[in-house]
Amino acid sequence: MNQNTEYEVKKKQIKELLNEFDVYMHNVCYTSTDEHVSLYEHWRELISSIDDVLNYTPEQLCDMYKRTARLENNTVINNLQPMTPYRITKESSDHTFSVDDVIWISENGDINSIHGSGWITPSEYQKESLDFECVEAPDYEVLKYGNSEVCQIKEVEKDFDD
């Protein structure tokens, strides 16, 4: 049996078990208290999520796992908004990003650096590169020109009427 056929068989078995357990949960929850009915609704949400995952191919699941594993130890990068400038307050272990460097996340997920090493792509993310700390840099702005992105110091508007 090849790997894809085995995967399909396992997937079918999981769905059958979930359906059997779903019937059991329905019977238990709907013959009990309102609290149990709420529990059943949460159970249905969980089944729906599992069903979504089972629709992926093994290759897609592996790819998602690899991307998640690259970032699992880094909450900073997960909290950054694309096209928003940030100032580094604690440099990365591998010195890719230094204190006072200004960075931004591109729409494609690259981390760009004004003063530092250019940019790194999501496939180049390393734990040692992503352990920096940062805050928003309100004195900078990220602009998009065609397919290019530029981060620059915000221009100060001058009032010439004074």
N, C-alpha and C. Protein backbone atom coordinates (compact mmCIF):
# COMPACT_ATOMS: atom_id res chain seq x y z
N MET A 1 0.85 -1.17 0.00
CA MET A 1 0.00 0.00 0.00
C MET A 1 0.90 1.24 0.00
N ASN A 2 0.66 2.17 -0.95
CA ASN A 2 1.51 3.36 -0.99
C ASN A 2 1.07 4.35 0.09
N GLN A 3 1.89 5.37 0.28
CA GLN A 3 1.69 6.30 1.38
C GLN A 3 0.37 7.08 1.24
N ASN A 4 0.03 7.51 0.03
CA ASN A 4 -1.21 8.26 -0.16
C ASN A 4 -2.44 7.40 0.09
N THR A 5 -2.41 6.14 -0.35
CA THR A 5 -3.53 5.23 -0.10
C THR A 5 -3.67 4.98 1.39
N GLU A 6 -2.55 4.77 2.06
CA GLU A 6 -2.57 4.55 3.51
C GLU A 6 -3.15 5.77 4.22
N TYR A 7 -2.76 6.95 3.77
CA TYR A 7 -3.28 8.19 4.35
C TYR A 7 -4.79 8.27 4.17
N GLU A 8 -5.28 7.96 2.99
CA GLU A 8 -6.73 8.00 2.72
C GLU A 8 -7.48 7.00 3.60
N VAL A 9 -6.92 5.81 3.79
CA VAL A 9 -7.54 4.79 4.65
C VAL A 9 -7.61 5.31 6.09
N LYS A 10 -6.49 5.85 6.59
CA LYS A 10 -6.46 6.38 7.97
C LYS A 10 -7.45 7.54 8.11
N LYS A 11 -7.48 8.40 7.11
CA LYS A 11 -8.40 9.54 7.15
C LYS A 11 -9.85 9.05 7.23
N LYS A 12 -10.19 8.04 6.45
CA LYS A 12 -11.54 7.48 6.47
C LYS A 12 -11.85 6.88 7.84
N GLN A 13 -10.89 6.16 8.42
CA GLN A 13 -11.09 5.57 9.75
C GLN A 13 -11.32 6.66 10.80
N ILE A 14 -10.55 7.73 10.72
CA ILE A 14 -10.70 8.83 11.68
C ILE A 14 -12.09 9.44 11.54
N LYS A 15 -12.52 9.69 10.31
CA LYS A 15 -13.85 10.27 10.10
C LYS A 15 -14.95 9.36 10.63
N GLU A 16 -14.82 8.06 10.42
CA GLU A 16 -15.82 7.11 10.93
C GLU A 16 -15.86 7.13 12.46
N LEU A 17 -14.69 7.15 13.09
CA LEU A 17 -14.64 7.22 14.56
C LEU A 17 -15.25 8.52 15.07
N LEU A 18 -14.93 9.62 14.41
CA LEU A 18 -15.50 10.91 14.82
C LEU A 18 -17.01 10.90 14.68
N ASN A 19 -17.53 10.32 13.61
CA ASN A 19 -18.98 10.25 13.43
C ASN A 19 -19.63 9.40 14.51
N GLU A 20 -19.03 8.27 14.84
CA GLU A 20 -19.56 7.42 15.92
C GLU A 20 -19.56 8.17 17.25
N PHE A 21 -18.45 8.84 17.53
CA PHE A 21 -18.35 9.57 18.79
C PHE A 21 -19.30 10.77 18.79
N ASP A 22 -19.53 11.36 17.63
CA ASP A 22 -20.45 12.48 17.52
C ASP A 22 -21.86 12.05 17.91
N VAL A 23 -22.30 10.90 17.43
CA VAL A 23 -23.62 10.38 17.78
C VAL A 23 -23.70 10.16 19.29
N TYR A 24 -22.65 9.58 19.87
CA TYR A 24 -22.60 9.36 21.31
C TYR A 24 -22.70 10.69 22.06
N MET A 25 -21.89 11.67 21.65
CA MET A 25 -21.90 12.98 22.32
C MET A 25 -23.28 13.64 22.20
N HIS A 26 -23.89 13.53 21.04
CA HIS A 26 -25.21 14.11 20.84
C HIS A 26 -26.21 13.50 21.81
N ASN A 27 -26.22 12.19 21.92
CA ASN A 27 -27.16 11.50 22.81
C ASN A 27 -26.93 11.87 24.27
N VAL A 28 -25.68 11.93 24.68
CA VAL A 28 -25.37 12.27 26.07
C VAL A 28 -25.72 13.73 26.36
N CYS A 29 -25.31 14.61 25.49
CA CYS A 29 -25.47 16.04 25.76
C CYS A 29 -26.92 16.50 25.68
N TYR A 30 -27.68 15.97 24.74
CA TYR A 30 -29.05 16.44 24.58
C TYR A 30 -30.03 15.77 25.53
N THR A 31 -29.57 14.81 26.30
CA THR A 31 -30.45 14.22 27.32
C THR A 31 -30.03 14.71 28.70
N SER A 32 -29.18 15.72 28.74
CA SER A 32 -28.69 16.26 30.01
C SER A 32 -29.03 17.74 30.13
N THR A 33 -28.18 18.46 30.81
CA THR A 33 -28.41 19.87 31.12
C THR A 33 -28.02 20.78 29.95
N ASP A 34 -28.40 22.06 30.10
CA ASP A 34 -28.02 23.06 29.10
C ASP A 34 -26.50 23.17 28.98
N GLU A 35 -25.82 22.96 30.09
CA GLU A 35 -24.36 23.01 30.08
C GLU A 35 -23.80 21.94 29.14
N HIS A 36 -24.42 20.78 29.13
CA HIS A 36 -23.97 19.71 28.24
C HIS A 36 -24.27 20.04 26.78
N VAL A 37 -25.38 20.73 26.53
CA VAL A 37 -25.70 21.15 25.16
C VAL A 37 -24.61 22.10 24.66
N SER A 38 -24.19 23.01 25.52
CA SER A 38 -23.10 23.93 25.16
C SER A 38 -21.82 23.15 24.89
N LEU A 39 -21.56 22.14 25.68
CA LEU A 39 -20.39 21.28 25.47
C LEU A 39 -20.47 20.62 24.09
N TYR A 40 -21.66 20.17 23.73
CA TYR A 40 -21.83 19.53 22.42
C TYR A 40 -21.55 20.52 21.29
N GLU A 41 -21.97 21.76 21.45
CA GLU A 41 -21.71 22.78 20.43
C GLU A 41 -20.21 23.00 20.26
N HIS A 42 -19.48 23.00 21.36
CA HIS A 42 -18.02 23.11 21.28
C HIS A 42 -17.42 21.88 20.59
N TRP A 43 -17.98 20.74 20.89
CA TRP A 43 -17.53 19.49 20.26
C TRP A 43 -17.71 19.57 18.75
N ARG A 44 -18.85 20.11 18.30
CA ARG A 44 -19.11 20.24 16.86
C ARG A 44 -18.08 21.17 16.21
N GLU A 45 -17.71 22.25 16.89
CA GLU A 45 -16.68 23.16 16.37
C GLU A 45 -15.35 22.43 16.22
N LEU A 46 -15.02 21.61 17.21
CA LEU A 46 -13.79 20.83 17.15
C LEU A 46 -13.81 19.86 15.98
N ILE A 47 -14.92 19.16 15.81
CA ILE A 47 -15.04 18.22 14.69
C ILE A 47 -14.88 18.96 13.36
N SER A 48 -15.47 20.12 13.27
CA SER A 48 -15.37 20.91 12.04
C SER A 48 -13.91 21.25 11.75
N SER A 49 -13.16 21.63 12.78
CA SER A 49 -11.73 21.94 12.61
C SER A 49 -10.95 20.71 12.18
N ILE A 50 -11.24 19.58 12.81
CA ILE A 50 -10.56 18.33 12.46
C ILE A 50 -10.88 17.96 11.01
N ASP A 51 -12.14 18.13 10.64
CA ASP A 51 -12.56 17.85 9.27
C ASP A 51 -11.79 18.72 8.27
N ASP A 52 -11.60 20.00 8.62
CA ASP A 52 -10.82 20.90 7.75
C ASP A 52 -9.40 20.38 7.58
N VAL A 53 -8.78 19.97 8.67
CA VAL A 53 -7.40 19.46 8.61
C VAL A 53 -7.33 18.20 7.76
N LEU A 54 -8.33 17.34 7.89
CA LEU A 54 -8.32 16.08 7.13
C LEU A 54 -8.48 16.30 5.62
N ASN A 55 -8.89 17.47 5.22
CA ASN A 55 -9.03 17.76 3.79
C ASN A 55 -7.70 18.11 3.13
N TYR A 56 -6.66 18.37 3.93
CA TYR A 56 -5.33 18.66 3.38
C TYR A 56 -4.63 17.37 2.98
N THR A 57 -3.74 17.48 2.01
CA THR A 57 -2.91 16.34 1.64
C THR A 57 -1.78 16.23 2.66
N PRO A 58 -1.13 15.08 2.75
CA PRO A 58 0.01 14.95 3.67
C PRO A 58 1.09 16.00 3.38
N GLU A 59 1.31 16.30 2.10
CA GLU A 59 2.33 17.28 1.74
C GLU A 59 1.96 18.67 2.26
N GLN A 60 0.69 19.04 2.14
CA GLN A 60 0.24 20.33 2.63
C GLN A 60 0.37 20.41 4.15
N LEU A 61 0.03 19.32 4.83
CA LEU A 61 0.15 19.29 6.30
C LEU A 61 1.61 19.43 6.72
N CYS A 62 2.51 18.74 6.01
CA CYS A 62 3.95 18.83 6.33
C CYS A 62 4.45 20.24 6.12
N ASP A 63 4.03 20.87 5.03
CA ASP A 63 4.45 22.24 4.75
C ASP A 63 3.97 23.20 5.83
N MET A 64 2.70 23.06 6.25
CA MET A 64 2.17 23.91 7.32
C MET A 64 2.93 23.67 8.62
N TYR A 65 3.23 22.41 8.90
CA TYR A 65 3.97 22.09 10.12
C TYR A 65 5.35 22.73 10.11
N LYS A 66 6.04 22.64 8.97
CA LYS A 66 7.38 23.22 8.88
C LYS A 66 7.35 24.73 9.09
N ARG A 67 6.36 25.40 8.46
CA ARG A 67 6.26 26.86 8.63
C ARG A 67 5.95 27.21 10.08
N THR A 68 5.07 26.46 10.71
CA THR A 68 4.72 26.72 12.11
C THR A 68 5.90 26.43 13.02
N ALA A 69 6.61 25.34 12.76
CA ALA A 69 7.74 24.95 13.60
C ALA A 69 8.84 26.00 13.55
N ARG A 70 9.02 26.64 12.39
CA ARG A 70 10.06 27.67 12.28
C ARG A 70 9.78 28.83 13.21
N LEU A 71 8.50 29.09 13.46
CA LEU A 71 8.13 30.26 14.23
C LEU A 71 7.63 29.96 15.63
N GLU A 72 7.55 28.68 16.00
CA GLU A 72 6.88 28.33 17.26
C GLU A 72 7.51 28.97 18.49
N ASN A 73 8.80 29.22 18.47
CA ASN A 73 9.46 29.81 19.63
C ASN A 73 9.52 31.33 19.55
N ASN A 74 8.88 31.92 18.58
CA ASN A 74 8.99 33.35 18.41
C ASN A 74 7.62 34.00 18.36
N THR A 75 7.26 34.67 19.44
CA THR A 75 5.98 35.34 19.45
C THR A 75 6.09 36.75 18.88
N VAL A 76 7.29 37.34 18.88
CA VAL A 76 7.46 38.70 18.37
C VAL A 76 7.02 38.77 16.92
N ILE A 77 7.57 37.91 16.08
CA ILE A 77 7.30 37.97 14.64
C ILE A 77 5.82 37.75 14.36
N ASN A 78 5.16 36.93 15.15
CA ASN A 78 3.74 36.66 14.94
C ASN A 78 2.87 37.86 15.24
N ASN A 79 3.38 38.80 16.04
CA ASN A 79 2.60 39.97 16.43
C ASN A 79 2.86 41.20 15.58
N LEU A 80 3.78 41.12 14.63
CA LEU A 80 4.09 42.27 13.80
C LEU A 80 3.10 42.39 12.65
N GLN A 81 2.70 43.61 12.36
CA GLN A 81 1.77 43.87 11.27
C GLN A 81 2.55 44.17 10.00
N PRO A 82 2.14 43.62 8.87
CA PRO A 82 2.82 43.93 7.61
C PRO A 82 2.76 45.43 7.31
N MET A 83 3.80 45.92 6.66
CA MET A 83 3.89 47.31 6.19
C MET A 83 3.86 48.33 7.33
N THR A 84 4.27 47.91 8.52
CA THR A 84 4.37 48.80 9.68
C THR A 84 5.82 48.82 10.13
N PRO A 85 6.43 50.01 10.29
CA PRO A 85 7.83 50.07 10.72
C PRO A 85 7.97 49.82 12.23
N TYR A 86 9.05 49.11 12.58
CA TYR A 86 9.37 48.80 13.97
C TYR A 86 10.84 49.11 14.23
N ARG A 87 11.15 49.57 15.45
CA ARG A 87 12.53 49.83 15.86
C ARG A 87 12.97 48.69 16.78
N ILE A 88 14.14 48.12 16.50
CA ILE A 88 14.69 47.03 17.32
C ILE A 88 15.15 47.60 18.65
N THR A 89 14.71 46.99 19.76
CA THR A 89 15.12 47.41 21.10
C THR A 89 16.05 46.40 21.75
N LYS A 90 16.06 45.17 21.24
CA LYS A 90 17.00 44.13 21.70
C LYS A 90 17.40 43.34 20.47
N GLU A 91 18.71 43.29 20.20
CA GLU A 91 19.17 42.66 18.96
C GLU A 91 18.99 41.15 18.97
N SER A 92 18.96 40.59 17.79
CA SER A 92 18.82 39.14 17.65
C SER A 92 20.13 38.45 18.03
N SER A 93 20.04 37.21 18.47
CA SER A 93 21.22 36.45 18.92
C SER A 93 22.30 36.37 17.86
N ASP A 94 21.88 36.24 16.60
CA ASP A 94 22.88 36.10 15.53
C ASP A 94 23.28 37.46 14.93
N HIS A 95 22.80 38.55 15.52
CA HIS A 95 23.14 39.92 15.11
C HIS A 95 22.58 40.29 13.74
N THR A 96 21.61 39.54 13.24
CA THR A 96 20.96 39.92 11.99
C THR A 96 20.27 41.26 12.15
N PHE A 97 19.63 41.46 13.30
CA PHE A 97 18.95 42.72 13.58
C PHE A 97 19.57 43.34 14.83
N SER A 98 19.98 44.61 14.72
CA SER A 98 20.67 45.32 15.80
C SER A 98 19.77 46.37 16.43
N VAL A 99 20.13 46.77 17.65
CA VAL A 99 19.40 47.81 18.37
C VAL A 99 19.37 49.08 17.50
N ASP A 100 18.22 49.72 17.44
CA ASP A 100 17.93 50.94 16.67
C ASP A 100 17.74 50.70 15.18
N ASP A 101 17.91 49.47 14.72
CA ASP A 101 17.60 49.15 13.33
C ASP A 101 16.09 49.31 13.15
N VAL A 102 15.67 49.76 11.99
CA VAL A 102 14.24 49.88 11.68
C VAL A 102 13.90 48.79 10.67
N ILE A 103 12.87 48.02 10.99
CA ILE A 103 12.48 46.89 10.14
C ILE A 103 11.00 46.99 9.81
N TRP A 104 10.57 46.21 8.83
CA TRP A 104 9.15 46.02 8.56
C TRP A 104 8.95 44.67 7.90
N ILE A 105 7.74 44.15 8.02
CA ILE A 105 7.37 42.89 7.38
C ILE A 105 6.70 43.23 6.06
N SER A 106 7.22 42.69 4.97
CA SER A 106 6.61 42.91 3.66
C SER A 106 5.30 42.14 3.56
N GLU A 107 4.53 42.47 2.55
CA GLU A 107 3.29 41.74 2.32
C GLU A 107 3.55 40.27 2.02
N ASN A 108 4.75 39.94 1.52
CA ASN A 108 5.10 38.55 1.22
C ASN A 108 5.76 37.83 2.39
N GLY A 109 5.88 38.52 3.55
CA GLY A 109 6.43 37.88 4.74
C GLY A 109 7.91 38.12 4.97
N ASP A 110 8.61 38.76 4.02
CA ASP A 110 10.03 39.07 4.23
C ASP A 110 10.17 40.07 5.37
N ILE A 111 11.25 39.95 6.14
CA ILE A 111 11.58 40.97 7.14
C ILE A 111 12.66 41.84 6.51
N ASN A 112 12.35 43.11 6.33
CA ASN A 112 13.26 44.07 5.71
C ASN A 112 13.91 44.93 6.77
N SER A 113 15.16 45.32 6.53
CA SER A 113 15.91 46.12 7.48
C SER A 113 16.48 47.35 6.77
N ILE A 114 16.27 48.53 7.33
CA ILE A 114 16.80 49.75 6.71
C ILE A 114 18.31 49.81 6.86
N HIS A 115 18.81 49.61 8.07
CA HIS A 115 20.24 49.80 8.34
C HIS A 115 21.05 48.51 8.28
N GLY A 116 20.39 47.41 8.36
CA GLY A 116 21.09 46.14 8.54
C GLY A 116 21.37 45.38 7.28
N SER A 117 21.00 44.13 7.30
CA SER A 117 21.44 43.16 6.29
C SER A 117 20.52 43.04 5.09
N GLY A 118 19.68 44.02 4.82
CA GLY A 118 18.77 43.91 3.68
C GLY A 118 17.46 43.29 4.10
N TRP A 119 17.27 42.00 3.79
CA TRP A 119 16.03 41.32 4.17
C TRP A 119 16.27 39.83 4.32
N ILE A 120 15.35 39.19 5.03
CA ILE A 120 15.36 37.72 5.08
C ILE A 120 13.95 37.25 4.74
N THR A 121 13.89 36.16 4.00
CA THR A 121 12.61 35.59 3.58
C THR A 121 12.12 34.61 4.63
N PRO A 122 10.83 34.26 4.61
CA PRO A 122 10.32 33.28 5.57
C PRO A 122 11.08 31.96 5.55
N SER A 123 11.58 31.55 4.39
CA SER A 123 12.34 30.29 4.33
C SER A 123 13.70 30.41 5.01
N GLU A 124 14.17 31.64 5.23
CA GLU A 124 15.46 31.86 5.89
C GLU A 124 15.31 32.15 7.39
N TYR A 125 14.06 32.24 7.88
CA TYR A 125 13.85 32.52 9.30
C TYR A 125 14.58 31.48 10.13
N GLN A 126 15.34 31.93 11.10
CA GLN A 126 16.03 31.07 12.05
C GLN A 126 15.68 31.56 13.45
N LYS A 127 15.65 30.67 14.39
CA LYS A 127 15.34 31.03 15.77
C LYS A 127 16.27 32.15 16.25
N GLU A 128 17.55 32.06 15.90
CA GLU A 128 18.54 33.04 16.35
C GLU A 128 18.36 34.40 15.69
N SER A 129 17.69 34.44 14.54
CA SER A 129 17.44 35.71 13.86
C SER A 129 16.17 36.38 14.38
N LEU A 130 15.27 35.58 14.91
CA LEU A 130 13.94 36.09 15.26
C LEU A 130 13.74 36.33 16.75
N ASP A 131 14.80 36.27 17.53
CA ASP A 131 14.62 36.47 18.98
C ASP A 131 14.83 37.92 19.40
N PHE A 132 14.68 38.84 18.46
CA PHE A 132 14.81 40.27 18.75
C PHE A 132 13.55 40.77 19.45
N GLU A 133 13.65 41.98 19.98
CA GLU A 133 12.48 42.67 20.53
C GLU A 133 12.37 44.01 19.81
N CYS A 134 11.15 44.51 19.66
CA CYS A 134 10.97 45.76 18.93
C CYS A 134 9.72 46.49 19.39
N VAL A 135 9.64 47.75 19.01
CA VAL A 135 8.46 48.58 19.25
C VAL A 135 8.15 49.29 17.93
N GLU A 136 6.91 49.75 17.80
CA GLU A 136 6.57 50.50 16.58
C GLU A 136 7.44 51.74 16.48
N ALA A 137 7.75 52.11 15.25
CA ALA A 137 8.57 53.29 14.97
C ALA A 137 7.68 54.35 14.32
N PRO A 138 7.00 55.17 15.12
CA PRO A 138 6.02 56.12 14.57
C PRO A 138 6.64 57.22 13.71
N ASP A 139 7.95 57.41 13.82
CA ASP A 139 8.61 58.44 13.02
C ASP A 139 8.98 57.94 11.62
N TYR A 140 8.67 56.68 11.32
CA TYR A 140 8.93 56.09 10.00
C TYR A 140 7.61 55.68 9.36
N GLU A 141 7.65 55.53 8.04
CA GLU A 141 6.49 55.03 7.31
C GLU A 141 6.96 54.09 6.22
N VAL A 142 6.12 53.10 5.90
CA VAL A 142 6.42 52.17 4.82
C VAL A 142 5.49 52.52 3.66
N LEU A 143 6.08 52.74 2.50
CA LEU A 143 5.32 53.09 1.31
C LEU A 143 5.52 52.03 0.24
N LYS A 144 4.52 51.87 -0.59
CA LYS A 144 4.61 50.89 -1.67
C LYS A 144 4.54 51.63 -3.00
N TYR A 145 5.52 51.36 -3.87
CA TYR A 145 5.56 51.92 -5.21
C TYR A 145 5.61 50.75 -6.18
N GLY A 146 4.49 50.46 -6.84
CA GLY A 146 4.44 49.30 -7.73
C GLY A 146 4.66 48.04 -6.92
N ASN A 147 5.70 47.28 -7.26
CA ASN A 147 6.03 46.06 -6.52
C ASN A 147 7.10 46.29 -5.46
N SER A 148 7.54 47.54 -5.30
CA SER A 148 8.61 47.84 -4.35
C SER A 148 8.05 48.47 -3.08
N GLU A 149 8.71 48.19 -1.97
CA GLU A 149 8.36 48.79 -0.69
C GLU A 149 9.54 49.60 -0.20
N VAL A 150 9.26 50.75 0.40
CA VAL A 150 10.31 51.63 0.91
C VAL A 150 9.91 52.07 2.31
N CYS A 151 10.87 52.06 3.22
CA CYS A 151 10.65 52.57 4.56
C CYS A 151 11.50 53.83 4.70
N GLN A 152 10.88 54.91 5.14
CA GLN A 152 11.60 56.17 5.25
C GLN A 152 11.10 56.96 6.45
N ILE A 153 11.87 57.96 6.83
CA ILE A 153 11.46 58.86 7.91
C ILE A 153 10.26 59.65 7.40
N LYS A 154 9.24 59.77 8.25
CA LYS A 154 8.06 60.53 7.86
C LYS A 154 8.44 61.99 7.65
N GLU A 155 7.86 62.57 6.62
CA GLU A 155 8.10 63.99 6.38
C GLU A 155 7.22 64.78 7.34
N VAL A 156 7.80 65.83 7.90
CA VAL A 156 7.07 66.70 8.81
C VAL A 156 6.37 67.76 7.98
N GLU A 157 5.06 67.88 8.18
CA GLU A 157 4.32 68.91 7.46
C GLU A 157 4.57 70.25 8.14
N LYS A 158 4.92 71.24 7.33
CA LYS A 158 5.19 72.57 7.88
C LYS A 158 4.02 73.48 7.55
N ASP A 159 3.65 74.27 8.51
CA ASP A 159 2.57 75.23 8.33
C ASP A 159 3.21 76.57 8.02
N PHE A 160 3.08 77.04 6.78
CA PHE A 160 3.72 78.28 6.37
C PHE A 160 2.87 79.51 6.67
N ASP A 161 1.68 79.31 7.23
CA ASP A 161 0.81 80.44 7.55
C ASP A 161 1.23 81.16 8.82
N ASP A 162 2.08 80.57 9.63
CA ASP A 162 2.46 81.18 10.92
C ASP A 162 3.51 82.24 10.75
